[in-house]
Protein backbone atom coordinates (compact mmCIF):
# COMPACT_ATOMS: atom_id res chain seq x y z
CA UNK A 1 36.36 -17.82 -11.65
CA UNK A 2 39.26 -15.49 -12.39
CA UNK A 3 39.48 -13.73 -15.68
CA UNK A 4 42.98 -13.06 -17.28
CA UNK A 5 43.80 -10.93 -20.24
CA UNK A 6 47.12 -11.58 -22.03
CA UNK A 7 48.35 -8.78 -24.29
CA UNK A 8 51.08 -9.31 -26.71
CA UNK A 9 51.78 -8.67 -30.41
CA UNK A 10 53.45 -11.94 -31.15
CA UNK A 11 50.73 -14.54 -31.80
CA UNK A 12 53.00 -17.63 -31.06
CA UNK A 13 54.15 -16.33 -27.79
CA UNK A 14 50.65 -15.14 -26.82
CA UNK A 15 49.02 -18.44 -27.65
CA UNK A 16 51.84 -20.39 -25.87
CA UNK A 17 51.38 -18.47 -22.69
CA UNK A 18 47.53 -19.01 -23.01
CA UNK A 19 47.97 -22.64 -23.31
CA UNK A 20 50.37 -23.06 -20.51
CA UNK A 21 48.32 -21.02 -17.97
CA UNK A 22 45.19 -22.63 -19.10
CA UNK A 23 46.62 -26.23 -18.51
CA UNK A 24 47.88 -25.12 -14.91
CA UNK A 25 44.72 -23.31 -14.17
CA UNK A 26 41.66 -24.86 -15.84
CA UNK A 27 39.22 -22.62 -13.91
CA UNK A 28 40.68 -19.51 -15.38
CA UNK A 29 38.92 -17.49 -18.22
CA UNK A 30 41.69 -16.26 -20.45
CA UNK A 31 41.33 -13.62 -23.00
CA UNK A 32 44.00 -12.44 -25.45
CA UNK A 33 44.68 -9.18 -27.36
CA UNK A 34 47.45 -8.19 -29.81
CA UNK A 35 47.60 -4.62 -28.77
CA UNK A 36 47.09 -2.30 -25.88
CA UNK A 37 44.11 -0.71 -27.77
CA UNK A 38 42.36 -4.13 -28.17
CA UNK A 39 43.25 -4.93 -24.57
CA UNK A 40 41.59 -1.79 -23.31
CA UNK A 41 38.48 -2.52 -25.28
CA UNK A 42 38.20 -5.93 -23.81
CA UNK A 43 38.53 -4.59 -20.34
CA UNK A 44 35.79 -2.08 -21.00
CA UNK A 45 33.53 -4.64 -22.61
CA UNK A 46 33.84 -7.03 -19.57
CA UNK A 47 33.27 -4.15 -17.12
CA UNK A 48 30.05 -3.41 -18.99
CA UNK A 49 29.13 -7.06 -18.59
CA UNK A 50 29.79 -6.77 -14.89
CA UNK A 51 32.39 -9.52 -15.41
CA UNK A 52 35.60 -7.64 -14.98
CA UNK A 53 39.11 -8.75 -15.83
CA UNK A 54 41.07 -9.73 -12.69
CA UNK A 55 44.68 -9.66 -14.09
CA UNK A 56 46.29 -8.28 -17.13
CA UNK A 57 49.61 -10.00 -18.37
CA UNK A 58 51.19 -7.58 -20.93
CA UNK A 59 54.23 -7.53 -23.04
CA UNK A 60 56.25 -4.32 -22.70
CA UNK A 61 57.17 -3.71 -26.36
CA UNK A 62 54.47 -3.98 -28.97
CA UNK A 63 53.58 -1.11 -31.43
CA UNK A 64 55.86 1.13 -29.36
CA UNK A 65 58.37 0.54 -26.48
CA UNK A 66 55.73 2.10 -24.20
CA UNK A 67 52.72 -0.03 -25.26
CA UNK A 68 52.97 -2.28 -22.10
CA UNK A 69 53.21 0.73 -19.92
CA UNK A 70 50.14 2.38 -21.61
CA UNK A 71 48.22 -0.92 -21.23
CA UNK A 72 48.88 -0.96 -17.43
CA UNK A 73 48.03 2.73 -17.05
CA UNK A 74 44.65 2.29 -18.87
CA UNK A 75 43.84 -0.94 -17.20
CA UNK A 76 44.25 0.68 -13.79
CA UNK A 77 42.34 3.68 -14.86
CA UNK A 78 39.43 1.53 -15.82
CA UNK A 79 39.63 -0.63 -12.73
CA UNK A 80 41.91 0.48 -9.79
CA UNK A 81 41.97 -2.89 -8.41
CA UNK A 82 42.90 -4.78 -11.58
CA UNK A 83 46.27 -6.53 -11.16
CA UNK A 84 48.99 -6.14 -13.85
CA UNK A 85 52.06 -8.03 -14.68
CA UNK A 86 54.54 -6.82 -17.18
CA UNK A 87 56.79 -9.21 -19.08
CA UNK A 88 59.55 -8.56 -21.54
CA UNK A 89 62.57 -10.26 -23.31
CA UNK A 90 64.10 -6.71 -23.82
CA UNK A 91 65.37 -5.84 -20.52
CA UNK A 92 67.18 -2.76 -21.68
CA UNK A 93 63.81 -1.19 -22.62
CA UNK A 94 62.37 -1.79 -19.18
CA UNK A 95 62.31 0.77 -16.40
CA UNK A 96 61.18 -1.28 -13.36
CA UNK A 97 60.54 1.78 -11.34
CA UNK A 98 58.35 3.45 -13.88
CA UNK A 99 56.36 0.00 -14.32
CA UNK A 100 55.57 0.14 -10.54
CA UNK A 101 54.65 3.83 -10.75
CA UNK A 102 52.18 2.97 -13.55
CA UNK A 103 50.62 0.31 -11.23
CA UNK A 104 52.33 -3.12 -12.23
CA UNK A 105 51.98 -5.62 -9.58
CA UNK A 106 55.20 -7.39 -10.67
CA UNK A 107 57.69 -7.60 -13.55
CA UNK A 108 59.11 -10.67 -15.31
CA UNK A 109 62.36 -9.97 -17.08
CA UNK A 110 62.81 -13.25 -19.03
CA UNK A 111 62.25 -14.49 -22.52
CA UNK A 112 58.54 -15.37 -22.89
CA UNK A 113 59.47 -18.50 -24.79
CA UNK A 114 61.30 -19.97 -21.84
CA UNK A 115 59.40 -22.37 -19.45
CA UNK A 116 60.91 -20.73 -16.50
CA UNK A 117 59.40 -17.46 -17.52
CA UNK A 118 55.99 -19.16 -17.97
CA UNK A 119 56.39 -20.72 -14.52
CA UNK A 120 57.29 -17.45 -13.03
CA UNK A 121 54.32 -15.64 -14.65
CA UNK A 122 52.02 -18.35 -13.49
CA UNK A 123 53.13 -18.05 -9.89
CA UNK A 124 53.03 -14.19 -9.88
CA UNK A 125 49.64 -14.28 -11.50
CA UNK A 126 48.28 -16.47 -8.72
CA UNK A 127 49.87 -14.21 -6.05
CA UNK A 128 48.31 -11.16 -7.92
CA UNK A 129 44.90 -12.92 -7.76
CA UNK A 130 45.12 -13.44 -4.18
CA UNK A 131 46.06 -9.87 -3.52
CA UNK A 132 43.19 -8.67 -5.66
CA UNK A 133 40.75 -10.76 -3.60
CA UNK A 134 42.17 -9.32 -0.31
CA UNK A 135 41.88 -5.77 -1.80
CA UNK A 136 38.27 -6.23 -2.87
CA UNK A 137 37.39 -7.49 0.63
CA UNK A 138 39.08 -4.46 2.16
CA UNK A 139 37.31 -2.16 -0.42
CA UNK A 140 34.09 -3.91 0.40
CA UNK A 141 34.44 -3.39 4.16
CA UNK A 142 35.26 0.23 3.84
CA UNK A 143 31.77 0.99 2.47
CA UNK A 144 30.19 -0.24 5.73
CA UNK A 145 32.38 1.22 8.43
CA UNK A 146 33.06 4.84 9.49
CA UNK A 147 36.57 5.57 8.10
CA UNK A 148 37.75 6.26 11.69
CA UNK A 149 36.57 2.78 12.75
CA UNK A 150 38.07 1.00 9.77
CA UNK A 151 41.58 2.00 10.86
CA UNK A 152 41.05 0.01 14.05
CA UNK A 153 39.69 -3.08 11.94
CA UNK A 154 42.81 -3.00 9.83
CA UNK A 155 45.05 -3.20 12.83
CA UNK A 156 42.89 -6.05 14.26
CA UNK A 157 40.90 -8.06 11.77
CA UNK A 158 39.80 -10.52 14.43
CA UNK A 159 37.24 -7.85 15.31
CA UNK A 160 35.34 -9.05 12.17
CA UNK A 161 35.08 -12.73 13.49
CA UNK A 162 31.70 -14.07 14.29
CA UNK A 163 30.89 -13.48 17.97
CA UNK A 164 27.75 -13.56 20.05
CA UNK A 165 26.97 -10.00 21.10
CA UNK A 166 24.46 -7.65 22.59
CA UNK A 167 23.75 -5.10 19.88
CA UNK A 168 21.06 -2.74 18.72
CA UNK A 169 19.56 -3.34 15.34
CA UNK A 170 17.87 -0.66 13.28
CA UNK A 171 15.78 -0.98 10.16
CA UNK A 172 14.32 1.89 8.02
CA UNK A 173 11.94 1.66 5.21
CA UNK A 174 10.21 4.31 3.07
CA UNK A 175 6.36 4.32 3.25
CA UNK A 176 4.69 5.00 -0.01
CA UNK A 177 7.75 4.31 -2.09
CA UNK A 178 6.12 1.55 -4.25
CA UNK A 179 3.47 4.15 -5.15
CA UNK A 180 6.08 6.74 -5.95
CA UNK A 181 7.71 4.45 -8.18
CA UNK A 182 4.53 3.67 -10.00
CA UNK A 183 3.76 7.47 -10.39
CA UNK A 184 7.25 8.27 -11.78
CA UNK A 185 7.67 5.01 -13.81
CA UNK A 186 8.32 7.01 -17.04
CA UNK A 187 11.22 8.85 -15.16
CA UNK A 188 13.30 6.22 -13.52
CA UNK A 189 16.39 8.49 -12.96
CA UNK A 190 14.34 10.70 -10.71
CA UNK A 191 13.79 7.64 -8.44
CA UNK A 192 17.39 6.33 -8.75
CA UNK A 193 19.07 9.62 -7.93
CA UNK A 194 16.60 10.21 -5.01
CA UNK A 195 17.52 6.86 -3.59
CA UNK A 196 21.28 7.61 -3.86
CA UNK A 197 20.95 10.79 -1.89
CA UNK A 198 18.73 9.07 0.66
CA UNK A 199 21.24 6.13 1.15
CA UNK A 200 24.23 8.60 1.44
CA UNK A 201 22.35 10.60 4.01
CA UNK A 202 21.48 7.46 5.97
CA UNK A 203 25.06 6.18 5.79
CA UNK A 204 26.44 9.47 7.02
CA UNK A 205 24.00 9.55 9.96
CA UNK A 206 24.76 6.04 10.98
CA UNK A 207 28.55 6.56 10.82
CA UNK A 208 28.21 9.80 12.81
CA UNK A 209 26.72 7.87 15.70
CA UNK A 210 29.19 4.98 15.52
CA UNK A 211 26.96 2.48 13.79
CA UNK A 212 27.69 -0.02 11.03
CA UNK A 213 25.82 0.04 7.72
CA UNK A 214 24.90 -3.56 7.29
CA UNK A 215 23.01 -3.25 3.94
CA UNK A 216 20.60 -1.40 1.68
CA UNK A 217 17.54 -3.41 0.86
CA UNK A 218 15.73 -1.61 -1.97
CA UNK A 219 14.40 1.42 -0.25
CA UNK A 220 15.34 0.05 3.14
CA UNK A 221 18.32 0.33 5.31
CA UNK A 222 19.73 -1.96 8.06
CA UNK A 223 22.28 -0.79 10.53
CA UNK A 224 23.94 -2.21 13.61
CA UNK A 225 25.16 -0.41 16.83
CA UNK A 226 27.61 -1.97 19.19
CA UNK A 227 29.36 -4.37 16.89
CA UNK A 228 32.84 -3.25 17.84
CA UNK A 229 32.26 -1.69 21.26
CA UNK A 230 33.08 -3.42 24.44
CA UNK A 231 31.48 -1.17 27.04
CA UNK A 232 30.43 -2.63 30.30
CA UNK A 233 27.04 -0.93 30.34
CA UNK A 234 24.73 -3.62 29.02
CA UNK A 235 24.53 -2.02 25.63
CA UNK A 236 23.05 1.20 26.96
CA UNK A 237 25.36 3.59 24.97
CA UNK A 238 24.86 1.70 21.77
CA UNK A 239 21.01 1.63 22.08
CA UNK A 240 21.01 5.47 22.73
CA UNK A 241 23.33 6.01 19.70
CA UNK A 242 20.87 4.01 17.59
CA UNK A 243 17.89 5.93 18.73
CA UNK A 244 19.63 9.25 18.26
CA UNK A 245 20.66 8.18 14.69
CA UNK A 246 17.00 7.44 13.98
CA UNK A 247 15.80 10.81 15.40
CA UNK A 248 18.49 12.70 13.36
CA UNK A 249 17.72 10.85 10.08
CA UNK A 250 13.98 11.42 10.28
CA UNK A 251 14.16 15.33 9.70
CA UNK A 252 17.21 14.80 7.34
CA UNK A 253 15.01 12.41 5.26
CA UNK A 254 12.34 15.00 5.25
CA UNK A 255 14.72 17.59 3.79
CA UNK A 256 15.84 15.12 0.97
CA UNK A 257 12.22 14.66 0.16
CA UNK A 258 11.39 18.34 0.06
CA UNK A 259 14.19 18.98 -2.37
CA UNK A 260 13.25 16.04 -4.68
CA UNK A 261 9.55 17.01 -4.46
CA UNK A 262 10.25 20.13 -6.51
CA UNK A 263 11.58 17.91 -9.18
CA UNK A 264 8.86 15.19 -8.94
CA UNK A 265 5.94 17.63 -9.32
CA UNK A 266 7.27 18.90 -12.62
CA UNK A 267 6.47 15.47 -14.10
CA UNK A 268 3.22 14.37 -12.36
CA UNK A 269 -0.07 15.83 -11.12
CA UNK A 270 -0.44 13.10 -8.49
CA UNK A 271 -0.31 13.77 -4.84
CA UNK A 272 2.90 12.28 -3.53
CA UNK A 273 3.13 11.15 0.07
CA UNK A 274 6.11 9.25 1.44
CA UNK A 275 7.73 9.05 4.74
CA UNK A 276 10.41 7.08 6.78
CA UNK A 277 9.40 4.36 9.17
CA UNK A 278 11.99 2.96 11.67
CA UNK A 279 12.15 -0.07 13.99
CA UNK A 280 14.86 -0.56 16.64
CA UNK A 281 15.58 -3.44 18.85
CA UNK A 282 18.36 -4.50 21.26
CA UNK A 283 19.17 -8.15 21.66
CA UNK A 284 21.63 -10.96 21.40
CA UNK A 285 22.83 -11.83 18.00
CA UNK A 286 25.59 -13.66 16.23
CA UNK A 287 27.55 -10.84 14.47
CA UNK A 288 30.62 -10.87 12.22
CA UNK A 289 31.93 -11.66 8.65
CA UNK A 290 30.00 -14.35 6.89
CA UNK A 291 32.12 -15.20 3.95
CA UNK A 292 32.29 -17.69 1.09
CA UNK A 293 34.49 -18.07 -1.96
CA UNK A 294 32.08 -15.92 -3.95
CA UNK A 295 30.88 -13.29 -1.55
CA UNK A 296 31.64 -11.57 1.86
CA UNK A 297 28.89 -10.27 4.09
CA UNK A 298 29.32 -8.55 7.53
CA UNK A 299 25.89 -8.85 9.10
CA UNK A 300 23.98 -10.10 12.17
CA UNK A 301 22.14 -13.36 12.53
CA UNK A 302 19.49 -14.61 14.80
CA UNK A 303 15.81 -14.18 15.78
CA UNK A 304 16.45 -10.71 17.22
CA UNK A 305 17.23 -9.44 13.76
CA UNK A 306 13.77 -10.52 12.49
CA UNK A 307 12.28 -8.95 15.56
CA UNK A 308 13.73 -5.60 14.62
CA UNK A 309 12.43 -6.05 11.10
CA UNK A 310 8.98 -6.76 12.33
CA UNK A 311 9.01 -3.66 14.60
CA UNK A 312 9.98 -1.54 11.51
CA UNK A 313 7.10 -2.96 9.56
CA UNK A 314 4.72 -1.75 12.14
CA UNK A 315 5.99 1.76 12.18
CA UNK A 316 4.14 4.43 10.14
CA UNK A 317 5.71 7.26 8.13
CA UNK A 318 7.71 9.44 10.52
CA UNK A 319 7.57 7.00 13.39
CA UNK A 320 10.44 5.52 15.28
CA UNK A 321 9.35 2.39 17.21
CA UNK A 322 11.51 0.70 19.71
CA UNK A 323 11.25 -2.49 21.68
CA UNK A 324 11.10 -2.69 25.41
CA UNK A 325 14.67 -3.88 25.75
CA UNK A 326 15.75 -0.74 23.77
CA UNK A 327 13.52 1.66 25.77
CA UNK A 328 14.80 0.38 29.02
CA UNK A 329 18.30 1.26 28.04
CA UNK A 330 17.51 4.73 26.67
CA UNK A 331 14.71 5.95 28.96
CA UNK A 332 16.94 8.23 31.06
CA UNK A 333 17.77 10.27 27.92
CA UNK A 334 14.95 9.63 25.58
CA UNK A 335 11.09 10.11 26.06
CA UNK A 336 8.87 7.35 24.49
CA UNK A 337 5.28 6.41 24.84
CA UNK A 338 3.55 3.08 24.71
CA UNK A 339 2.70 2.15 21.04
CA UNK A 340 0.90 -1.12 21.40
CA UNK A 341 2.11 -4.67 21.30
CA UNK A 342 3.48 -7.21 18.81
CA UNK A 343 3.34 -10.99 18.68
CA UNK A 344 3.50 -13.99 16.34
CA UNK A 345 7.27 -13.36 15.66
CA UNK A 346 9.02 -16.45 14.28
CA UNK A 347 11.24 -18.14 16.81
CA UNK A 348 10.39 -15.51 19.51
CA UNK A 349 7.07 -16.67 21.21
CA UNK A 350 5.19 -14.28 23.25
CA UNK A 351 3.75 -10.76 23.31
CA UNK A 352 5.96 -7.73 23.24
CA UNK A 353 5.46 -4.00 24.17
CA UNK A 354 6.34 -1.43 21.68
CA UNK A 355 7.21 2.31 22.30
CA UNK A 356 7.27 5.30 20.07
CA UNK A 357 10.17 7.75 20.51
CA UNK A 358 8.96 11.27 21.14
CA UNK A 359 12.12 13.07 21.81
CA UNK A 360 15.15 13.74 24.03
CA UNK A 361 14.71 14.42 27.74
CA UNK A 362 15.78 17.84 28.84
């Protein structure tokens, strides 16, 4: 449900525009402000509520001839993706180039009382909202792909469409994390800042090996390898990249923990024991962008995703467990030993061998 902010110092014009836009767009939430200062305050308040303003429609001349420009500048500072449309009946006061430099999406140079101006503002606001939605989706996707890979996606968005692919799925989870949270419950920032560093380290490691960051799940991480590749090697290179990513993240995680242990032990006498468990599986999944009007999600779907998650659940702290299908693809470069069996997996009947990664072959 789009949120619109109308800013103008003339009450009659402000209310007329609010009424006209509300009639044409009953699903819009429309706020009004009589100055750029109040407009800024409303934007800040809505951001704090996690209900940000999508578009600002502002008069150019209010308390000063630069009020509208100031409004746009402040709005874009608070939310770089906010859309701003500048309108004015005083065309001589308007510098269009300056307006666009300040971040205006568009400009309406007509008397606000005219029905033509209202119609134009309505059309341009709708266009601005569509552009914001597109920008948000692009911004969303940038978080999950290596920047080098994202350039390829921008050139060919069809790469994100749902397809059946053979990929390698990785899950990581911190063993002992719930106990750590209980021990340090009086110091939540120590947990939050540790999680941030851990997640950043995981993302960098995944990107380094050509993987896609699917999601963070509390203290867990899910990554996909082979989503955009079209190699004719039956997924061997992607499986190897996934295992090498897990092998690299294991000591990197230990380094993060060691740094934070120095802080944690200042606040508790308890013994702290945490470690990273990892499960990896290669299989056929449906992978791509699963979107709705409310949310986009690039992810993998299918029983093999659940299988990878179940493998991760079996891993102890410091262990990297892989399925037989992954081990068969990496055995020329990676040493792994038998690590038991797993069964009772939903929608995948049978008994399956697991392997523990030891290291790389010389």
